[in-house]
Amino acid sequence: MAGNTFGKAFKITTYGESHGPATGVIIDGCPAGIDIDPQFVQDELDKRRPGQSKITTQRKESDTVQILSGIFEGKSTGTPISMLIPNEDQRSKDYAHNRDVYRPSHADYTYDAKYGIRDYRGGGRASARETAARVAAGAIAKILLQQAGIRLMAHVSAVGTIQAPPLMRGDFDHFIRLREANIVRCIDPETAARMEHDIDSIRKEGDTIGGKISCIISGCPAGLGEPVFDKLHADLAKAMLSINAVHGFEYGSGFAGSEMRGSQHNDIFVPGENGPTTISNHSGGIQGGISNGMDITFTVAFKPVATIMQEQQTVNAAGEKTEIKGKGRHDPCVVPRAVVIVEAMAALVLADHLLRNRLARFA
């Protein structure tokens, strides 16, 4: 199986399955001498772990990370960083009913079609359990970015048709406190309460709902990104679309920009303290595939979780009609736990381009 590695200068490879002994990640390319706080890595994983509220899956995983290599006396050594996260609460019997049945909108059929074999226990490598490894790696990337003055913050901006007010520039620490004060992880308390009620009602009906996560990145210098195939927004899009259940990505003005005129959409340059700045930011901080020093903004759309507790028509491996009903423990809405995953993947992209930019300047 190809496609388990992401990045070029700051490169990660994840491993493990949903119901195997563990999942984990190997980071290659982290510079030496970076102060690494293992507790920060654990805190990030705690935001993603299952069983944290009534609107998330009740699978009980501590997601306790074990750092096996690459860090000595609190600093990165420049060698590969290996991290392992044991799986502690697998219930493979919950998936016995779909051993030979294809669940609607899951990767069951496509895995069979491609490989001729699949791990039916929670989806194996196709499971969102794999994203725990990304969050651990993203925590290291965040530490690297923080030391370069780059910060990022995401939150749930929509659940179904319930929309939060637009995310504006402000005090990130304040935003994060607001976000972590509710189980939906939306920075607007009133909207969060409506979202929570909607998710819980849909959960009780045995159904699921989709949503959106918006992210803002500040402190990013001008010059990150490559102008042809490795455009910064293209790599961000790939990173986000590689997350389970993501069906859409837009940055800056996004799809709304297609309804505007050039005279409305152009970001006018004006002199700034550290170089040119722009009056508006329809470009989302990226022009020509390269960061321009403004805040980078993007939104990610997640589909409803495919496993529902209702009878559905499907077929089995023999191509015969049958029915299936979801069992086990599943999120009624994935976005509350996916906020930290979006941040992690954004951090990995920026760390990669930051190191690539440094290499380009000294080439």
Protein backbone atom coordinates (compact mmCIF):
# COMPACT_ATOMS: atom_id res chain seq x y z
CA MET A 1 0.00 0.00 0.00
CA ALA A 2 1.42 3.35 -1.06
CA GLY A 3 0.43 6.78 0.23
CA ASN A 4 1.32 6.49 3.92
CA THR A 5 3.88 9.32 3.85
CA PHE A 6 3.20 13.08 3.77
CA GLY A 7 5.60 16.00 3.33
CA LYS A 8 9.02 16.52 1.76
CA ALA A 9 11.37 18.36 4.16
CA PHE A 10 9.25 17.68 7.26
CA LYS A 11 8.02 14.19 6.47
CA ILE A 12 5.70 11.89 8.39
CA THR A 13 4.77 8.24 7.90
CA THR A 14 1.83 6.85 9.87
CA TYR A 15 1.17 3.18 10.61
CA GLY A 16 -1.36 0.96 12.35
CA GLU A 17 -5.03 0.00 12.08
CA SER A 18 -8.16 0.78 14.05
CA HIS A 19 -8.27 -2.60 15.81
CA GLY A 20 -4.58 -3.49 15.76
CA PRO A 21 -2.27 -3.24 18.79
CA ALA A 22 -1.38 0.40 18.15
CA THR A 23 -1.19 3.27 15.73
CA GLY A 24 1.80 5.56 15.39
CA VAL A 25 3.98 7.90 13.37
CA ILE A 26 7.58 8.45 12.37
CA ILE A 27 8.70 12.03 11.73
CA ASP A 28 11.76 12.55 9.54
CA GLY A 29 13.29 15.99 9.02
CA CYS A 30 12.60 17.70 12.35
CA PRO A 31 15.60 19.97 13.01
CA ALA A 32 17.82 19.29 15.99
CA GLY A 33 17.69 21.45 19.09
CA ILE A 34 13.93 22.12 19.16
CA ASP A 35 12.51 22.18 22.70
CA ILE A 36 9.88 19.41 22.81
CA ASP A 37 7.32 19.24 25.61
CA PRO A 38 5.80 15.72 25.71
CA GLN A 39 2.87 17.05 27.75
CA PHE A 40 1.92 19.39 24.89
CA VAL A 41 1.83 16.40 22.53
CA GLN A 42 -0.42 14.56 25.00
CA ASP A 43 -2.68 17.60 25.44
CA GLU A 44 -3.22 17.74 21.69
CA LEU A 45 -4.11 14.05 21.59
CA ASP A 46 -6.57 14.55 24.44
CA LYS A 47 -8.57 16.94 22.22
CA ARG A 48 -9.00 14.21 19.62
CA ARG A 49 -9.49 11.17 21.84
CA PRO A 50 -12.82 9.33 21.77
CA GLY A 51 -15.27 9.15 24.67
CA GLN A 52 -14.84 12.76 25.74
CA SER A 53 -18.52 13.81 25.65
CA LYS A 54 -22.07 12.61 24.96
CA ILE A 55 -21.81 13.73 21.31
CA THR A 56 -18.72 11.68 20.48
CA THR A 57 -18.08 7.96 20.11
CA GLN A 58 -18.00 6.18 23.46
CA ARG A 59 -14.93 4.11 22.58
CA LYS A 60 -12.62 4.53 25.59
CA GLU A 61 -9.06 5.26 24.57
CA SER A 62 -6.58 7.16 26.76
CA ASP A 63 -4.47 7.86 23.64
CA THR A 64 -1.37 7.88 25.83
CA VAL A 65 1.55 8.62 23.55
CA GLN A 66 4.91 6.86 23.88
CA ILE A 67 7.86 8.77 22.39
CA LEU A 68 10.33 6.10 21.37
CA SER A 69 13.12 8.04 19.67
CA GLY A 70 14.39 11.37 18.38
CA ILE A 71 14.15 13.36 21.62
CA PHE A 72 16.86 13.55 24.29
CA GLU A 73 16.83 15.72 27.43
CA GLY A 74 13.80 17.63 26.15
CA LYS A 75 15.23 18.50 22.74
CA SER A 76 14.93 17.02 19.27
CA THR A 77 18.11 15.31 18.14
CA GLY A 78 17.57 15.63 14.38
CA THR A 79 17.03 11.88 14.06
CA PRO A 80 13.62 10.33 13.26
CA ILE A 81 11.02 10.89 15.98
CA SER A 82 8.95 7.77 16.55
CA MET A 83 5.70 7.92 18.53
CA LEU A 84 3.35 5.06 19.38
CA ILE A 85 -0.25 5.24 20.61
CA PRO A 86 -1.62 1.91 21.92
CA ASN A 87 -5.18 0.84 21.08
CA GLU A 88 -6.84 -0.12 24.35
CA ASP A 89 -10.58 -0.52 23.75
CA GLN A 90 -11.13 -2.47 20.52
CA ARG A 91 -14.43 -4.32 20.15
CA SER A 92 -13.92 -6.21 16.91
CA LYS A 93 -17.11 -8.20 17.48
CA ASP A 94 -19.08 -5.01 16.77
CA TYR A 95 -17.99 -5.38 13.13
CA ALA A 96 -18.58 -9.10 12.60
CA HIS A 97 -21.88 -8.36 10.87
CA ASN A 98 -20.16 -6.54 8.00
CA ARG A 99 -17.35 -9.03 7.36
CA ASP A 100 -18.77 -9.72 3.88
CA VAL A 101 -21.13 -6.74 3.56
CA TYR A 102 -20.30 -3.35 2.11
CA ARG A 103 -21.35 -0.46 4.32
CA PRO A 104 -22.83 2.47 2.34
CA SER A 105 -20.40 5.38 1.81
CA HIS A 106 -17.54 3.54 3.54
CA ALA A 107 -14.27 2.33 1.98
CA ASP A 108 -15.30 -1.35 2.23
CA TYR A 109 -16.03 -1.93 -1.45
CA THR A 110 -13.22 0.26 -2.80
CA TYR A 111 -10.62 -1.50 -0.60
CA ASP A 112 -11.85 -4.89 -1.83
CA ALA A 113 -11.78 -3.67 -5.42
CA LYS A 114 -8.22 -2.33 -5.09
CA TYR A 115 -6.49 -4.86 -2.81
CA GLY A 116 -8.70 -7.95 -2.83
CA ILE A 117 -8.56 -7.93 0.97
CA ARG A 118 -9.77 -5.58 3.68
CA ASP A 119 -9.75 -5.27 7.45
CA TYR A 120 -13.46 -5.12 8.29
CA ARG A 121 -12.81 -4.31 11.97
CA GLY A 122 -13.57 -0.61 12.04
CA GLY A 123 -12.16 -0.10 8.57
CA GLY A 124 -8.51 -0.90 9.34
CA ARG A 125 -6.29 1.77 7.78
CA ALA A 126 -9.37 3.57 6.47
CA SER A 127 -10.51 4.27 10.02
CA ALA A 128 -10.31 7.76 11.50
CA ARG A 129 -8.32 6.09 14.29
CA GLU A 130 -5.29 6.70 12.05
CA THR A 131 -5.64 10.45 12.62
CA ALA A 132 -4.36 10.09 16.19
CA ALA A 133 -0.91 9.62 14.66
CA ARG A 134 -1.35 12.80 12.61
CA VAL A 135 -2.27 14.78 15.71
CA ALA A 136 0.86 13.58 17.52
CA ALA A 137 3.02 14.61 14.54
CA GLY A 138 1.11 17.87 14.20
CA ALA A 139 1.93 18.71 17.81
CA ILE A 140 5.66 18.56 16.99
CA ALA A 141 5.03 20.72 13.91
CA LYS A 142 3.12 23.25 16.04
CA ILE A 143 6.07 23.51 18.44
CA LEU A 144 8.38 24.18 15.48
CA LEU A 145 6.00 26.83 14.12
CA GLN A 146 5.54 28.53 17.49
CA GLN A 147 9.28 29.03 17.71
CA ALA A 148 9.06 30.73 14.30
CA GLY A 149 6.23 33.00 15.50
CA ILE A 150 3.47 31.18 13.59
CA ARG A 151 0.21 30.28 15.36
CA LEU A 152 -2.99 28.67 14.15
CA MET A 153 -6.47 28.14 15.55
CA ALA A 154 -9.49 26.25 14.19
CA HIS A 155 -13.04 25.88 15.44
CA VAL A 156 -16.37 24.38 14.40
CA SER A 157 -17.99 27.03 12.22
CA ALA A 158 -21.05 25.02 11.12
CA VAL A 159 -23.07 21.94 12.01
CA GLY A 160 -25.59 21.14 9.33
CA THR A 161 -27.31 24.46 8.53
CA ILE A 162 -26.34 26.10 11.84
CA GLN A 163 -23.64 28.67 11.06
CA ALA A 164 -21.37 30.45 13.55
CA PRO A 165 -20.44 34.12 13.01
CA PRO A 166 -17.38 34.57 10.76
CA LEU A 167 -14.02 33.92 12.40
CA MET A 168 -12.21 37.26 12.74
CA ARG A 169 -8.65 38.10 13.71
CA GLY A 170 -8.17 38.44 17.47
CA ASP A 171 -6.58 37.04 20.60
CA PHE A 172 -5.92 33.36 19.85
CA ASP A 173 -5.66 32.44 23.52
CA HIS A 174 -9.08 34.00 24.15
CA PHE A 175 -10.56 32.18 21.15
CA ILE A 176 -9.15 28.87 22.35
CA ARG A 177 -10.60 29.37 25.84
CA LEU A 178 -14.03 30.04 24.31
CA ARG A 179 -13.70 27.01 22.05
CA GLU A 180 -12.67 24.61 24.79
CA ALA A 181 -15.48 25.82 27.06
CA ASN A 182 -18.04 23.77 25.13
CA ILE A 183 -18.11 20.20 23.80
CA VAL A 184 -18.78 21.26 20.19
CA ARG A 185 -15.60 23.40 20.01
CA CYS A 186 -17.28 26.46 18.51
CA ILE A 187 -15.97 29.84 19.72
CA ASP A 188 -19.46 31.39 19.80
CA PRO A 189 -21.24 30.11 22.96
CA GLU A 190 -24.79 30.74 21.71
CA THR A 191 -24.18 28.95 18.41
CA ALA A 192 -22.38 26.13 20.24
CA ALA A 193 -25.46 25.48 22.40
CA ARG A 194 -27.67 25.22 19.31
CA MET A 195 -25.16 22.91 17.63
CA GLU A 196 -24.93 20.65 20.68
CA HIS A 197 -28.72 20.32 20.89
CA ASP A 198 -28.94 19.49 17.17
CA ILE A 199 -26.19 16.86 17.29
CA ASP A 200 -27.67 15.19 20.37
CA SER A 201 -31.16 15.10 18.83
CA ILE A 202 -29.82 13.54 15.62
CA ARG A 203 -27.80 11.01 17.66
CA LYS A 204 -30.97 9.88 19.44
CA GLU A 205 -32.60 9.30 16.02
CA GLY A 206 -29.73 6.95 15.07
CA ASP A 207 -28.57 9.40 12.40
CA THR A 208 -25.55 11.65 11.79
CA ILE A 209 -24.85 15.20 10.59
CA GLY A 210 -22.00 16.96 8.80
CA GLY A 211 -20.32 20.27 9.51
CA LYS A 212 -17.51 22.71 8.79
CA ILE A 213 -14.29 23.72 10.49
CA SER A 214 -12.67 27.10 9.85
CA CYS A 215 -9.00 27.84 10.53
CA ILE A 216 -6.94 31.02 10.77
CA ILE A 217 -3.12 31.12 10.73
CA SER A 218 -1.25 34.25 11.89
CA GLY A 219 2.41 35.19 11.86
CA CYS A 220 3.16 33.31 8.65
CA PRO A 221 5.89 35.18 6.75
CA ALA A 222 5.65 36.03 3.08
CA GLY A 223 7.36 33.53 0.80
CA LEU A 224 6.13 30.07 1.85
CA GLY A 225 4.93 27.81 -0.95
CA GLU A 226 6.11 26.87 -4.43
CA PRO A 227 4.58 28.59 -7.48
CA VAL A 228 3.70 25.59 -9.69
CA PHE A 229 2.56 22.18 -8.43
CA ASP A 230 3.38 22.68 -4.74
CA LYS A 231 1.36 25.84 -4.20
CA LEU A 232 0.74 26.46 -0.51
CA HIS A 233 -3.03 26.38 -0.86
CA ALA A 234 -2.80 23.23 -3.01
CA ASP A 235 -0.81 21.44 -0.31
CA LEU A 236 -3.25 22.66 2.35
CA ALA A 237 -6.12 21.35 0.22
CA LYS A 238 -4.45 17.96 -0.17
CA ALA A 239 -3.76 17.79 3.55
CA MET A 240 -7.36 18.57 4.45
CA LEU A 241 -8.90 16.31 1.82
CA SER A 242 -6.76 13.44 3.14
CA ILE A 243 -8.66 13.62 6.44
CA ASN A 244 -11.46 11.07 6.79
CA ALA A 245 -14.93 12.41 5.87
CA VAL A 246 -13.66 15.68 4.34
CA HIS A 247 -15.58 16.56 1.18
CA GLY A 248 -14.65 20.19 0.56
CA PHE A 249 -11.95 22.84 0.98
CA GLU A 250 -11.92 26.57 0.31
CA TYR A 251 -9.49 29.33 1.24
CA GLY A 252 -9.88 33.08 1.38
CA SER A 253 -13.08 34.13 -0.36
CA GLY A 254 -13.55 30.54 -1.54
CA PHE A 255 -16.53 29.78 -3.73
CA ALA A 256 -18.10 33.15 -2.90
CA GLY A 257 -15.21 34.80 -4.76
CA SER A 258 -16.54 33.38 -8.03
CA GLU A 259 -19.58 35.64 -7.66
CA MET A 260 -17.51 38.83 -7.33
CA ARG A 261 -15.93 41.22 -9.82
CA GLY A 262 -12.21 41.75 -9.98
CA SER A 263 -12.65 45.31 -8.75
CA GLN A 264 -14.35 43.90 -5.65
CA HIS A 265 -12.07 40.92 -5.12
CA ASN A 266 -8.58 42.39 -5.60
CA ASP A 267 -6.63 42.87 -2.36
CA ILE A 268 -5.17 46.38 -2.55
CA PHE A 269 -1.57 46.74 -1.35
CA VAL A 270 -0.58 49.46 1.12
CA PRO A 271 2.73 50.11 2.94
CA GLY A 272 3.18 48.18 6.19
CA GLU A 273 5.70 48.05 9.02
CA ASN A 274 7.27 44.80 7.76
CA GLY A 275 6.62 45.20 4.04
CA PRO A 276 3.51 45.55 1.90
CA THR A 277 0.19 44.60 3.42
CA THR A 278 -3.33 44.46 1.98
CA ILE A 279 -6.54 46.28 2.92
CA SER A 280 -8.73 43.20 2.36
CA ASN A 281 -7.82 39.52 2.44
CA HIS A 282 -9.93 37.79 -0.20
CA SER A 283 -6.75 35.90 -1.17
CA GLY A 284 -6.72 34.18 2.23
CA GLY A 285 -3.08 35.06 2.78
CA ILE A 286 -1.87 33.24 -0.34
CA GLN A 287 -1.19 34.68 -3.81
CA GLY A 288 0.32 32.74 -6.70
CA GLY A 289 0.60 29.76 -4.38
CA ILE A 290 2.91 31.67 -2.02
CA SER A 291 2.08 33.22 1.37
CA ASN A 292 1.91 37.02 1.34
CA GLY A 293 2.24 37.67 5.08
CA MET A 294 -1.46 38.17 5.75
CA ASP A 295 -3.50 35.75 7.83
CA ILE A 296 -4.11 32.45 6.06
CA THR A 297 -7.78 31.48 6.28
CA PHE A 298 -9.57 28.37 5.07
CA THR A 299 -12.64 26.24 5.74
CA VAL A 300 -13.04 22.46 5.56
CA ALA A 301 -16.37 20.69 4.98
CA PHE A 302 -17.07 17.28 6.54
CA LYS A 303 -19.77 14.90 5.35
CA PRO A 304 -22.10 13.15 7.81
CA VAL A 305 -20.53 10.09 9.43
CA ALA A 306 -21.38 7.12 7.19
CA THR A 307 -22.28 4.67 9.97
CA ILE A 308 -25.90 5.24 11.05
CA MET A 309 -28.04 3.20 13.44
CA GLN A 310 -30.76 2.65 10.84
CA GLU A 311 -31.47 -0.12 8.34
CA GLN A 312 -30.01 0.55 4.87
CA GLN A 313 -29.97 -1.35 1.60
CA THR A 314 -26.60 -2.59 0.36
CA VAL A 315 -24.88 -5.59 -1.26
CA ASN A 316 -22.48 -8.23 0.00
CA ALA A 317 -19.18 -9.42 -1.45
CA ALA A 318 -21.06 -11.85 -3.70
CA GLY A 319 -23.01 -8.96 -5.21
CA GLU A 320 -26.30 -9.99 -3.57
CA LYS A 321 -28.80 -7.53 -2.13
CA THR A 322 -28.91 -7.35 1.65
CA GLU A 323 -29.50 -4.93 4.51
CA ILE A 324 -27.20 -3.51 7.15
CA LYS A 325 -27.61 -1.48 10.33
CA GLY A 326 -24.77 0.21 12.14
CA LYS A 327 -23.51 -1.24 15.41
CA GLY A 328 -20.87 -0.24 17.89
CA ARG A 329 -19.63 3.21 18.92
CA HIS A 330 -19.54 6.05 16.42
CA ASP A 331 -19.59 9.85 16.32
CA PRO A 332 -22.96 11.38 15.37
CA CYS A 333 -20.94 14.38 14.11
CA VAL A 334 -17.21 14.22 13.54
CA VAL A 335 -16.32 17.93 13.59
CA PRO A 336 -15.88 18.47 17.38
CA ARG A 337 -13.03 15.92 17.48
CA ALA A 338 -11.71 16.91 14.05
CA VAL A 339 -10.75 20.48 15.01
CA VAL A 340 -7.34 19.39 16.31
CA ILE A 341 -6.86 17.15 13.24
CA VAL A 342 -7.38 20.11 10.91
CA GLU A 343 -4.89 22.14 12.97
CA ALA A 344 -2.39 19.26 12.90
CA MET A 345 -2.50 18.85 9.12
CA ALA A 346 -2.21 22.62 8.60
CA ALA A 347 0.79 22.69 10.94
CA LEU A 348 2.45 19.83 9.04
CA VAL A 349 2.06 21.68 5.73
CA LEU A 350 3.45 24.94 7.13
CA ALA A 351 6.37 23.23 8.91
CA ASP A 352 7.25 21.45 5.68
CA HIS A 353 7.18 24.64 3.61
CA LEU A 354 9.03 26.60 6.29
CA LEU A 355 11.92 24.14 6.16
CA ARG A 356 11.78 23.93 2.36
CA ASN A 357 11.95 27.73 2.18
CA ARG A 358 15.02 27.80 4.39
CA LEU A 359 16.69 25.19 2.19
CA ALA A 360 15.81 27.16 -0.95
CA ARG A 361 17.40 30.34 0.40
CA PHE A 362 20.67 28.56 1.19
CA ALA A 363 20.78 26.44 -1.98
